């Protein structure tokens, strides 16, 4: 997969932090149309983001239809920055290459034990990055181990899907 022409591009904007899902602690920010137009895609875009002066975190700008994107702001980031729904935040991000994936040693060991390394690498880059982010965000070792098992299961499903496709 080729890197996008936007890889490495740095963008910033201010926006109001919205409650994305009523009754849930799930906040997001609408990405301005000008930014989406600059990116030139209606697909998900992997970025390294910062809210105000937060530590950088990986997240995707996710498409919501009509050429619009949103970006989820996790509670951990909101706590770190002292922000809440309705606050105006400054969001800065750098576009990352979805194909530039780093595999943690514990995941690689689990994939090798199951002979599923290539199957995991055959997952779409967005799915790989999602699974890797979930592992990185695990607060407890047992949660990380569970998420590694989920990644191995995803690799097995990919193998089965490609095998079924090959039979047709």
N, C-alpha and C. Protein backbone atom coordinates (compact mmCIF):
# COMPACT_ATOMS: atom_id res chain seq x y z
N UNK A 1 0.85 -1.18 0.00
CA UNK A 1 0.00 0.00 0.00
C UNK A 1 0.89 1.24 0.00
N UNK A 2 0.64 2.18 -0.87
CA UNK A 2 1.42 3.41 -0.96
C UNK A 2 0.99 4.39 0.12
N UNK A 3 1.95 5.17 0.65
CA UNK A 3 1.56 6.21 1.59
C UNK A 3 0.71 7.25 0.87
N UNK A 4 -0.22 7.86 1.59
CA UNK A 4 -1.04 8.89 0.97
C UNK A 4 -0.20 10.14 0.80
N UNK A 5 -0.63 11.01 -0.08
CA UNK A 5 0.10 12.25 -0.30
C UNK A 5 0.00 13.15 0.92
N UNK A 6 -0.95 12.87 1.82
CA UNK A 6 -1.11 13.68 3.03
C UNK A 6 -0.28 13.20 4.20
N UNK A 7 0.39 12.05 4.07
CA UNK A 7 1.18 11.52 5.17
C UNK A 7 2.18 12.58 5.64
N UNK A 8 2.19 12.81 6.95
CA UNK A 8 3.07 13.82 7.52
C UNK A 8 2.47 15.22 7.57
N UNK A 9 1.35 15.41 6.91
CA UNK A 9 0.72 16.73 6.89
C UNK A 9 0.22 17.08 8.29
N UNK A 10 0.47 18.31 8.72
CA UNK A 10 0.04 18.79 10.03
C UNK A 10 -1.11 19.78 9.84
N UNK A 11 -2.19 19.55 10.60
CA UNK A 11 -3.36 20.41 10.50
C UNK A 11 -3.85 20.72 11.91
N UNK A 12 -4.59 21.80 12.05
CA UNK A 12 -5.11 22.20 13.35
C UNK A 12 -6.41 22.97 13.18
N UNK A 13 -7.25 22.91 14.21
CA UNK A 13 -8.48 23.67 14.24
C UNK A 13 -9.00 23.73 15.67
N UNK A 14 -9.92 24.63 15.91
CA UNK A 14 -10.61 24.68 17.19
C UNK A 14 -12.06 24.27 16.95
N UNK A 15 -12.63 23.61 17.95
CA UNK A 15 -14.01 23.14 17.82
C UNK A 15 -14.61 22.90 19.19
N UNK A 16 -15.90 22.75 19.21
CA UNK A 16 -16.64 22.48 20.44
C UNK A 16 -16.71 20.97 20.66
N UNK A 17 -16.40 20.53 21.87
CA UNK A 17 -16.46 19.13 22.24
C UNK A 17 -17.92 18.72 22.41
N UNK A 18 -18.35 17.75 21.60
CA UNK A 18 -19.76 17.32 21.60
C UNK A 18 -19.92 15.97 22.29
N UNK A 19 -21.07 15.77 22.91
CA UNK A 19 -21.42 14.46 23.44
C UNK A 19 -21.96 13.67 22.25
N UNK A 20 -21.23 12.65 21.82
CA UNK A 20 -21.58 11.92 20.62
C UNK A 20 -22.76 10.97 20.82
N UNK A 21 -22.81 10.33 21.97
CA UNK A 21 -23.84 9.33 22.22
C UNK A 21 -24.51 9.64 23.55
N UNK A 22 -25.77 10.02 23.51
CA UNK A 22 -26.51 10.38 24.72
C UNK A 22 -26.46 9.23 25.73
N UNK A 23 -26.18 9.59 26.98
CA UNK A 23 -26.13 8.59 28.04
C UNK A 23 -24.80 7.87 28.14
N UNK A 24 -23.87 8.17 27.25
CA UNK A 24 -22.55 7.53 27.28
C UNK A 24 -21.48 8.60 27.39
N UNK A 25 -20.35 8.24 27.95
CA UNK A 25 -19.23 9.15 28.06
C UNK A 25 -18.38 9.03 26.79
N UNK A 26 -18.97 9.48 25.69
CA UNK A 26 -18.34 9.34 24.38
C UNK A 26 -18.41 10.70 23.71
N UNK A 27 -17.30 11.39 23.64
CA UNK A 27 -17.28 12.72 23.04
C UNK A 27 -16.52 12.71 21.72
N UNK A 28 -16.91 13.62 20.86
CA UNK A 28 -16.28 13.73 19.56
C UNK A 28 -16.29 15.20 19.13
N UNK A 29 -15.52 15.46 18.10
CA UNK A 29 -15.42 16.81 17.54
C UNK A 29 -15.65 16.70 16.04
N UNK A 30 -16.47 17.59 15.52
CA UNK A 30 -16.68 17.66 14.07
C UNK A 30 -15.44 18.25 13.42
N UNK A 31 -14.95 17.58 12.41
CA UNK A 31 -13.80 18.09 11.65
C UNK A 31 -14.34 19.10 10.64
N UNK A 32 -13.81 20.31 10.62
CA UNK A 32 -14.32 21.31 9.68
C UNK A 32 -14.24 20.83 8.22
N UNK A 33 -15.22 21.22 7.44
CA UNK A 33 -15.29 20.83 6.02
C UNK A 33 -14.00 21.20 5.29
N UNK A 34 -13.41 22.33 5.64
CA UNK A 34 -12.18 22.78 5.00
C UNK A 34 -11.05 21.75 5.21
N UNK A 35 -10.98 21.17 6.41
CA UNK A 35 -9.94 20.17 6.71
C UNK A 35 -10.21 18.90 5.90
N UNK A 36 -11.48 18.43 5.92
CA UNK A 36 -11.83 17.23 5.16
C UNK A 36 -11.51 17.43 3.67
N UNK A 37 -11.83 18.60 3.16
CA UNK A 37 -11.54 18.89 1.75
C UNK A 37 -10.03 18.86 1.50
N UNK A 38 -9.26 19.40 2.42
CA UNK A 38 -7.80 19.40 2.31
C UNK A 38 -7.27 17.98 2.26
N UNK A 39 -7.86 17.09 3.08
CA UNK A 39 -7.43 15.70 3.12
C UNK A 39 -7.78 14.96 1.84
N UNK A 40 -8.85 15.39 1.18
CA UNK A 40 -9.23 14.81 -0.11
C UNK A 40 -9.75 13.39 -0.04
N UNK A 41 -10.35 12.99 1.09
CA UNK A 41 -10.89 11.64 1.19
C UNK A 41 -12.13 11.64 2.09
N UNK A 42 -13.02 10.71 1.81
CA UNK A 42 -14.18 10.50 2.67
C UNK A 42 -14.00 9.23 3.49
N UNK A 43 -12.79 8.65 3.42
CA UNK A 43 -12.48 7.43 4.19
C UNK A 43 -11.86 7.82 5.53
N UNK A 44 -11.68 6.83 6.39
CA UNK A 44 -11.02 7.07 7.68
C UNK A 44 -9.58 7.51 7.45
N UNK A 45 -9.10 8.38 8.32
CA UNK A 45 -7.74 8.91 8.22
C UNK A 45 -7.05 8.72 9.57
N UNK A 46 -5.97 7.95 9.59
CA UNK A 46 -5.21 7.72 10.82
C UNK A 46 -4.36 8.94 11.11
N UNK A 47 -4.43 9.42 12.37
CA UNK A 47 -3.67 10.61 12.75
C UNK A 47 -3.04 10.44 14.12
N UNK A 48 -2.04 11.25 14.38
CA UNK A 48 -1.47 11.41 15.71
C UNK A 48 -1.97 12.77 16.17
N UNK A 49 -2.84 12.77 17.19
CA UNK A 49 -3.55 13.98 17.58
C UNK A 49 -3.12 14.48 18.95
N UNK A 50 -3.42 15.76 19.20
CA UNK A 50 -3.25 16.39 20.50
C UNK A 50 -4.43 17.31 20.73
N UNK A 51 -4.98 17.24 21.94
CA UNK A 51 -6.03 18.17 22.35
C UNK A 51 -5.40 19.15 23.32
N UNK A 52 -5.49 20.43 23.01
CA UNK A 52 -4.84 21.47 23.81
C UNK A 52 -3.37 21.06 24.01
N UNK A 53 -2.96 20.78 25.23
CA UNK A 53 -1.55 20.40 25.46
C UNK A 53 -1.43 18.94 25.90
N UNK A 54 -2.33 18.09 25.44
CA UNK A 54 -2.31 16.67 25.83
C UNK A 54 -1.10 15.95 25.24
N UNK A 55 -0.86 14.76 25.77
CA UNK A 55 0.12 13.87 25.15
C UNK A 55 -0.45 13.45 23.80
N UNK A 56 0.40 13.25 22.80
CA UNK A 56 -0.10 12.79 21.50
C UNK A 56 -0.73 11.41 21.62
N UNK A 57 -1.79 11.16 20.84
CA UNK A 57 -2.46 9.87 20.82
C UNK A 57 -2.89 9.54 19.40
N UNK A 58 -2.87 8.23 19.08
CA UNK A 58 -3.30 7.78 17.76
C UNK A 58 -4.81 7.62 17.76
N UNK A 59 -5.43 8.07 16.69
CA UNK A 59 -6.87 7.97 16.54
C UNK A 59 -7.19 8.16 15.06
N UNK A 60 -8.38 7.78 14.66
CA UNK A 60 -8.78 7.99 13.27
C UNK A 60 -9.84 9.07 13.18
N UNK A 61 -9.73 9.88 12.14
CA UNK A 61 -10.84 10.74 11.77
C UNK A 61 -11.82 9.79 11.10
N UNK A 62 -13.03 9.66 11.64
CA UNK A 62 -13.93 8.67 11.07
C UNK A 62 -15.03 9.34 10.25
N UNK A 63 -15.32 8.75 9.09
CA UNK A 63 -16.33 9.32 8.20
C UNK A 63 -17.74 9.09 8.76
N UNK A 64 -18.60 10.10 8.59
CA UNK A 64 -19.99 9.97 9.05
C UNK A 64 -20.98 10.20 7.91
N UNK A 65 -20.48 10.22 6.69
CA UNK A 65 -21.35 10.42 5.52
C UNK A 65 -21.39 11.88 5.10
N UNK A 66 -21.78 12.09 3.89
CA UNK A 66 -21.89 13.45 3.37
C UNK A 66 -20.55 14.17 3.30
N UNK A 67 -19.45 13.41 3.23
CA UNK A 67 -18.13 14.02 3.15
C UNK A 67 -17.65 14.62 4.45
N UNK A 68 -18.24 14.20 5.57
CA UNK A 68 -17.86 14.74 6.88
C UNK A 68 -17.10 13.71 7.70
N UNK A 69 -16.23 14.24 8.56
CA UNK A 69 -15.47 13.42 9.50
C UNK A 69 -15.69 13.93 10.92
N UNK A 70 -15.52 13.03 11.86
CA UNK A 70 -15.47 13.36 13.29
C UNK A 70 -14.23 12.72 13.85
N UNK A 71 -13.80 13.20 15.01
CA UNK A 71 -12.69 12.59 15.72
C UNK A 71 -13.13 12.37 17.17
N UNK A 72 -12.96 11.16 17.66
CA UNK A 72 -13.35 10.81 19.02
C UNK A 72 -12.28 11.30 19.99
N UNK A 73 -12.75 11.86 21.10
CA UNK A 73 -11.85 12.31 22.15
C UNK A 73 -12.14 11.47 23.39
N UNK A 74 -11.24 10.59 23.72
CA UNK A 74 -11.44 9.65 24.82
C UNK A 74 -11.45 10.35 26.17
N UNK A 75 -12.09 9.69 27.13
CA UNK A 75 -12.20 10.28 28.48
C UNK A 75 -10.82 10.51 29.09
N UNK A 76 -9.86 9.63 28.80
CA UNK A 76 -8.50 9.78 29.33
C UNK A 76 -7.90 11.13 28.90
N UNK A 77 -8.11 11.50 27.64
CA UNK A 77 -7.59 12.76 27.11
C UNK A 77 -8.36 13.93 27.73
N UNK A 78 -9.67 13.78 27.86
CA UNK A 78 -10.47 14.86 28.45
C UNK A 78 -10.07 15.09 29.90
N UNK A 79 -9.79 14.01 30.63
CA UNK A 79 -9.35 14.15 32.04
C UNK A 79 -7.99 14.84 32.08
N UNK A 80 -7.09 14.42 31.20
CA UNK A 80 -5.74 15.00 31.16
C UNK A 80 -5.79 16.50 30.89
N UNK A 81 -6.71 16.92 30.02
CA UNK A 81 -6.78 18.33 29.62
C UNK A 81 -7.81 19.12 30.42
N UNK A 82 -8.58 18.44 31.28
CA UNK A 82 -9.59 19.12 32.08
C UNK A 82 -10.73 19.67 31.24
N UNK A 83 -11.05 18.98 30.15
CA UNK A 83 -12.12 19.45 29.27
C UNK A 83 -13.35 18.58 29.42
N UNK A 84 -14.50 19.17 29.07
CA UNK A 84 -15.77 18.44 29.14
C UNK A 84 -16.66 18.88 27.98
N UNK A 85 -17.75 18.16 27.82
CA UNK A 85 -18.71 18.46 26.75
C UNK A 85 -19.06 19.95 26.77
N UNK A 86 -19.04 20.56 25.60
CA UNK A 86 -19.36 21.97 25.47
C UNK A 86 -18.14 22.88 25.45
N UNK A 87 -16.99 22.39 25.92
CA UNK A 87 -15.77 23.20 25.91
C UNK A 87 -15.22 23.32 24.49
N UNK A 88 -14.58 24.46 24.22
CA UNK A 88 -13.88 24.63 22.96
C UNK A 88 -12.46 24.13 23.16
N UNK A 89 -12.03 23.29 22.23
CA UNK A 89 -10.68 22.72 22.32
C UNK A 89 -9.88 23.07 21.07
N UNK A 90 -8.58 23.04 21.22
CA UNK A 90 -7.67 23.19 20.07
C UNK A 90 -7.18 21.78 19.74
N UNK A 91 -7.41 21.36 18.52
CA UNK A 91 -7.01 20.03 18.09
C UNK A 91 -5.94 20.17 17.02
N UNK A 92 -4.80 19.53 17.25
CA UNK A 92 -3.72 19.49 16.27
C UNK A 92 -3.49 18.03 15.91
N UNK A 93 -3.21 17.77 14.65
CA UNK A 93 -2.90 16.39 14.28
C UNK A 93 -1.97 16.32 13.10
N UNK A 94 -1.30 15.17 13.02
CA UNK A 94 -0.41 14.85 11.90
C UNK A 94 -0.97 13.60 11.25
N UNK A 95 -1.14 13.63 9.94
CA UNK A 95 -1.65 12.48 9.21
C UNK A 95 -0.58 11.38 9.18
N UNK A 96 -0.99 10.17 9.55
CA UNK A 96 -0.08 9.03 9.55
C UNK A 96 -0.37 8.12 8.36
N UNK A 97 0.59 7.31 8.02
CA UNK A 97 0.43 6.34 6.95
C UNK A 97 -0.14 5.06 7.55
N UNK A 98 -1.35 4.68 7.13
CA UNK A 98 -2.00 3.47 7.65
C UNK A 98 -1.17 2.22 7.42
N UNK A 99 -0.35 2.23 6.39
CA UNK A 99 0.44 1.04 6.07
C UNK A 99 1.71 0.93 6.93
N UNK A 100 2.04 2.00 7.65
CA UNK A 100 3.23 2.00 8.50
C UNK A 100 2.85 1.46 9.87
N UNK A 101 2.91 0.14 10.00
CA UNK A 101 2.45 -0.53 11.21
C UNK A 101 3.64 -1.12 11.96
N UNK A 102 3.68 -0.88 13.26
CA UNK A 102 4.69 -1.48 14.14
C UNK A 102 4.00 -2.53 14.99
N UNK A 103 4.54 -3.73 14.99
CA UNK A 103 3.93 -4.85 15.70
C UNK A 103 4.64 -5.07 17.03
N UNK A 104 3.92 -5.01 18.16
CA UNK A 104 4.54 -5.26 19.46
C UNK A 104 5.05 -6.71 19.55
N UNK A 105 6.11 -6.91 20.32
CA UNK A 105 6.73 -8.23 20.45
C UNK A 105 5.77 -9.27 20.99
N UNK A 106 4.92 -8.89 21.98
CA UNK A 106 4.00 -9.87 22.56
C UNK A 106 2.94 -10.30 21.55
N UNK A 107 2.51 -9.39 20.69
CA UNK A 107 1.55 -9.75 19.64
C UNK A 107 2.23 -10.67 18.63
N UNK A 108 3.43 -10.31 18.18
CA UNK A 108 4.15 -11.15 17.21
C UNK A 108 4.37 -12.56 17.75
N UNK A 109 4.71 -12.68 19.03
CA UNK A 109 4.91 -14.00 19.63
C UNK A 109 3.62 -14.82 19.58
N UNK A 110 2.49 -14.19 19.89
CA UNK A 110 1.20 -14.89 19.87
C UNK A 110 0.83 -15.28 18.44
N UNK A 111 1.08 -14.38 17.49
CA UNK A 111 0.77 -14.68 16.08
C UNK A 111 1.66 -15.80 15.55
N UNK A 112 2.94 -15.78 15.91
CA UNK A 112 3.87 -16.84 15.48
C UNK A 112 3.45 -18.19 16.04
N UNK A 113 3.04 -18.21 17.30
CA UNK A 113 2.61 -19.46 17.93
C UNK A 113 1.41 -20.06 17.22
N UNK A 114 0.59 -19.21 16.62
CA UNK A 114 -0.61 -19.66 15.90
C UNK A 114 -0.39 -19.72 14.38
N UNK A 115 0.85 -19.45 13.97
CA UNK A 115 1.18 -19.40 12.53
C UNK A 115 0.24 -18.44 11.79
N UNK A 116 0.05 -17.27 12.37
CA UNK A 116 -0.93 -16.32 11.83
C UNK A 116 -0.33 -14.93 11.56
N UNK A 117 1.00 -14.82 11.51
CA UNK A 117 1.62 -13.51 11.29
C UNK A 117 1.18 -12.93 9.94
N UNK A 118 1.29 -13.71 8.88
CA UNK A 118 0.91 -13.20 7.56
C UNK A 118 -0.58 -12.92 7.46
N UNK A 119 -1.37 -13.71 8.17
CA UNK A 119 -2.83 -13.47 8.17
C UNK A 119 -3.14 -12.12 8.81
N UNK A 120 -2.44 -11.81 9.90
CA UNK A 120 -2.65 -10.51 10.54
C UNK A 120 -2.20 -9.40 9.61
N UNK A 121 -1.06 -9.60 8.95
CA UNK A 121 -0.55 -8.58 8.02
C UNK A 121 -1.45 -8.41 6.81
N UNK A 122 -2.29 -9.41 6.51
CA UNK A 122 -3.23 -9.32 5.40
C UNK A 122 -4.53 -8.60 5.78
N UNK A 123 -4.69 -8.31 7.07
CA UNK A 123 -5.85 -7.51 7.48
C UNK A 123 -5.72 -6.12 6.87
N UNK A 124 -6.82 -5.46 6.58
CA UNK A 124 -6.71 -4.07 6.10
C UNK A 124 -5.95 -3.23 7.13
N UNK A 125 -5.12 -2.29 6.68
CA UNK A 125 -4.34 -1.47 7.61
C UNK A 125 -5.18 -0.80 8.69
N UNK A 126 -6.36 -0.34 8.33
CA UNK A 126 -7.22 0.30 9.33
C UNK A 126 -7.61 -0.65 10.44
N UNK A 127 -7.91 -1.89 10.09
CA UNK A 127 -8.27 -2.88 11.10
C UNK A 127 -7.05 -3.23 11.96
N UNK A 128 -5.90 -3.37 11.33
CA UNK A 128 -4.67 -3.63 12.09
C UNK A 128 -4.43 -2.51 13.11
N UNK A 129 -4.51 -1.28 12.65
CA UNK A 129 -4.26 -0.15 13.54
C UNK A 129 -5.28 -0.08 14.66
N UNK A 130 -6.54 -0.39 14.38
CA UNK A 130 -7.57 -0.40 15.41
C UNK A 130 -7.22 -1.44 16.48
N UNK A 131 -6.88 -2.64 16.06
CA UNK A 131 -6.53 -3.70 17.01
C UNK A 131 -5.28 -3.33 17.82
N UNK A 132 -4.30 -2.75 17.16
CA UNK A 132 -3.07 -2.35 17.85
C UNK A 132 -3.34 -1.23 18.86
N UNK A 133 -4.17 -0.27 18.48
CA UNK A 133 -4.52 0.81 19.42
C UNK A 133 -5.23 0.26 20.65
N UNK A 134 -6.14 -0.69 20.43
CA UNK A 134 -6.84 -1.29 21.57
C UNK A 134 -5.86 -1.95 22.52
N UNK A 135 -4.85 -2.63 21.97
CA UNK A 135 -3.83 -3.26 22.82
C UNK A 135 -3.03 -2.21 23.59
N UNK A 136 -2.61 -1.16 22.89
CA UNK A 136 -1.81 -0.11 23.51
C UNK A 136 -2.56 0.59 24.63
N UNK A 137 -3.87 0.69 24.49
CA UNK A 137 -4.68 1.42 25.48
C UNK A 137 -5.08 0.58 26.68
N UNK A 138 -4.75 -0.69 26.67
CA UNK A 138 -5.12 -1.57 27.79
C UNK A 138 -4.40 -1.12 29.06
N UNK A 139 -5.17 -0.94 30.12
CA UNK A 139 -4.59 -0.49 31.39
C UNK A 139 -4.03 -1.66 32.20
N UNK A 140 -4.59 -2.85 32.02
CA UNK A 140 -4.18 -4.02 32.81
C UNK A 140 -3.57 -5.07 31.89
N UNK A 141 -2.59 -5.82 32.40
CA UNK A 141 -1.98 -6.88 31.59
C UNK A 141 -3.00 -7.91 31.09
N UNK A 142 -3.98 -8.25 31.92
CA UNK A 142 -4.98 -9.24 31.48
C UNK A 142 -5.85 -8.69 30.35
N UNK A 143 -6.09 -7.38 30.35
CA UNK A 143 -6.86 -6.76 29.25
C UNK A 143 -6.02 -6.79 27.98
N UNK A 144 -4.74 -6.49 28.10
CA UNK A 144 -3.86 -6.54 26.93
C UNK A 144 -3.81 -7.96 26.37
N UNK A 145 -3.69 -8.95 27.24
CA UNK A 145 -3.66 -10.35 26.80
C UNK A 145 -4.95 -10.72 26.07
N UNK A 146 -6.07 -10.26 26.59
CA UNK A 146 -7.37 -10.52 25.95
C UNK A 146 -7.40 -9.89 24.55
N UNK A 147 -6.91 -8.68 24.44
CA UNK A 147 -6.92 -7.98 23.16
C UNK A 147 -5.94 -8.61 22.16
N UNK A 148 -4.87 -9.18 22.66
CA UNK A 148 -3.95 -9.93 21.79
C UNK A 148 -4.68 -11.16 21.25
N UNK A 149 -5.43 -11.85 22.11
CA UNK A 149 -6.21 -13.01 21.64
C UNK A 149 -7.23 -12.58 20.59
N UNK A 150 -7.84 -11.41 20.78
CA UNK A 150 -8.79 -10.89 19.79
C UNK A 150 -8.09 -10.62 18.45
N UNK A 151 -6.88 -10.10 18.49
CA UNK A 151 -6.12 -9.83 17.27
C UNK A 151 -5.76 -11.14 16.55
N UNK A 152 -5.39 -12.16 17.32
CA UNK A 152 -5.09 -13.46 16.73
C UNK A 152 -6.35 -14.05 16.10
N UNK A 153 -7.48 -13.91 16.77
CA UNK A 153 -8.75 -14.40 16.22
C UNK A 153 -9.09 -13.67 14.93
N UNK A 154 -8.84 -12.37 14.88
CA UNK A 154 -9.08 -11.60 13.65
C UNK A 154 -8.20 -12.11 12.52
N UNK A 155 -6.96 -12.46 12.84
CA UNK A 155 -6.05 -13.00 11.83
C UNK A 155 -6.58 -14.34 11.30
N UNK A 156 -7.08 -15.17 12.19
CA UNK A 156 -7.65 -16.46 11.76
C UNK A 156 -8.88 -16.25 10.87
N UNK A 157 -9.73 -15.29 11.24
CA UNK A 157 -10.91 -15.01 10.41
C UNK A 157 -10.48 -14.53 9.02
N UNK A 158 -9.41 -13.73 8.98
CA UNK A 158 -8.91 -13.24 7.69
C UNK A 158 -8.42 -14.41 6.84
N UNK A 159 -7.70 -15.35 7.47
CA UNK A 159 -7.21 -16.53 6.76
C UNK A 159 -8.39 -17.31 6.17
N UNK A 160 -9.42 -17.52 6.99
CA UNK A 160 -10.60 -18.27 6.54
C UNK A 160 -11.31 -17.57 5.40
N UNK A 161 -11.42 -16.24 5.51
CA UNK A 161 -12.09 -15.47 4.47
C UNK A 161 -11.32 -15.55 3.14
N UNK A 162 -10.00 -15.41 3.21
CA UNK A 162 -9.20 -15.49 1.99
C UNK A 162 -9.21 -16.89 1.40
N UNK A 163 -9.23 -17.93 2.26
CA UNK A 163 -9.30 -19.31 1.78
C UNK A 163 -10.62 -19.57 1.09
N UNK A 164 -11.70 -19.09 1.66
CA UNK A 164 -13.03 -19.27 1.05
C UNK A 164 -13.11 -18.54 -0.30
N UNK A 165 -12.50 -17.37 -0.35
CA UNK A 165 -12.48 -16.60 -1.60
C UNK A 165 -11.69 -17.32 -2.68
N UNK A 166 -10.59 -17.95 -2.28
CA UNK A 166 -9.74 -18.68 -3.23
C UNK A 166 -10.44 -19.90 -3.81
N UNK A 167 -11.35 -20.50 -3.04
CA UNK A 167 -12.07 -21.67 -3.50
C UNK A 167 -13.10 -21.34 -4.59
N UNK A 168 -13.52 -20.09 -4.63
CA UNK A 168 -14.57 -19.70 -5.59
C UNK A 168 -14.04 -19.57 -6.99
